[in-house]
Amino acid sequence: MRRKAEVVAAVNGGLLTIDEVLERYDLTLEEFASWQRAVDRSGMQGLRVTRIQHYRDLYERQLKY
């Protein structure tokens, strides 16, 4: 969770490009984009594998109201 957040922060801060991240960590664009969305919505806690569905449901409920 922490490393994923650091990778997202490195891209947002201009230290790494998305292409570099995808190649270095063998990620798909969709996977990295999901990390970015999770951080944007719920911070580092949104990246916890055991809590992904919880945060996704919470975000969807917030959009409804």
Protein backbone atom coordinates (compact mmCIF):
# COMPACT_ATOMS: atom_id res chain seq x y z
CA MET A 1 0.00 0.00 0.00
CA ARG A 2 2.74 2.44 0.92
CA ARG A 3 4.85 1.66 -2.15
CA LYS A 4 1.87 2.08 -4.44
CA ALA A 5 1.20 5.50 -2.91
CA GLU A 6 4.85 6.43 -3.37
CA VAL A 7 4.72 5.45 -7.05
CA VAL A 8 1.57 7.53 -7.56
CA ALA A 9 3.22 10.46 -5.77
CA ALA A 10 6.34 10.12 -7.93
CA VAL A 11 4.26 10.35 -11.10
CA ASN A 12 2.19 13.26 -9.76
CA GLY A 13 5.37 15.05 -8.73
CA GLY A 14 7.04 14.55 -12.10
CA LEU A 15 9.81 12.27 -10.82
CA LEU A 16 8.65 9.37 -13.00
CA THR A 17 6.59 9.21 -16.16
CA ILE A 18 3.65 6.86 -16.47
CA ASP A 19 5.53 4.96 -19.18
CA GLU A 20 8.49 4.45 -16.83
CA VAL A 21 6.21 3.18 -14.08
CA LEU A 22 4.38 0.79 -16.37
CA GLU A 23 7.63 -0.71 -17.63
CA ARG A 24 9.51 -0.73 -14.32
CA TYR A 25 6.72 -2.33 -12.30
CA ASP A 26 5.17 -4.36 -15.13
CA LEU A 27 1.77 -2.69 -14.74
CA THR A 28 -1.05 -2.05 -17.13
CA LEU A 29 -2.31 1.48 -17.59
CA GLU A 30 -5.63 0.43 -16.09
CA GLU A 31 -3.94 -0.92 -12.96
CA PHE A 32 -1.93 2.25 -12.40
CA ALA A 33 -5.01 4.39 -13.07
CA SER A 34 -6.88 2.43 -10.40
CA TRP A 35 -4.08 3.25 -7.93
CA GLN A 36 -4.39 6.93 -8.78
CA ARG A 37 -8.17 6.89 -8.35
CA ALA A 38 -7.86 5.08 -5.02
CA VAL A 39 -5.38 7.64 -3.71
CA ASP A 40 -7.46 10.56 -5.00
CA ARG A 41 -10.65 9.24 -3.41
CA SER A 42 -9.45 7.76 -0.12
CA GLY A 43 -5.77 8.53 0.32
CA MET A 44 -3.27 5.81 1.01
CA GLN A 45 -5.91 3.76 2.86
CA GLY A 46 -7.77 3.35 -0.44
CA LEU A 47 -4.92 1.17 -1.68
CA ARG A 48 -5.37 -1.48 0.99
CA VAL A 49 -6.27 -4.67 -0.82
CA THR A 50 -8.60 -5.80 1.96
CA ARG A 51 -10.48 -2.48 1.93
CA ILE A 52 -10.79 -1.77 -1.81
CA GLN A 53 -14.42 -2.83 -2.04
CA HIS A 54 -15.32 -0.87 1.11
CA TYR A 55 -13.84 2.35 -0.25
CA ARG A 56 -15.34 1.75 -3.69
CA ASP A 57 -18.81 1.33 -2.15
CA LEU A 58 -18.33 4.40 0.03
CA TYR A 59 -17.31 6.50 -2.97
CA GLU A 60 -20.29 5.30 -5.01
CA ARG A 61 -22.67 6.14 -2.15
CA GLN A 62 -21.17 9.63 -1.90
CA LEU A 63 -21.79 10.20 -5.59
CA LYS A 64 -25.48 9.37 -5.18
CA TYR A 65 -26.08 11.99 -2.46
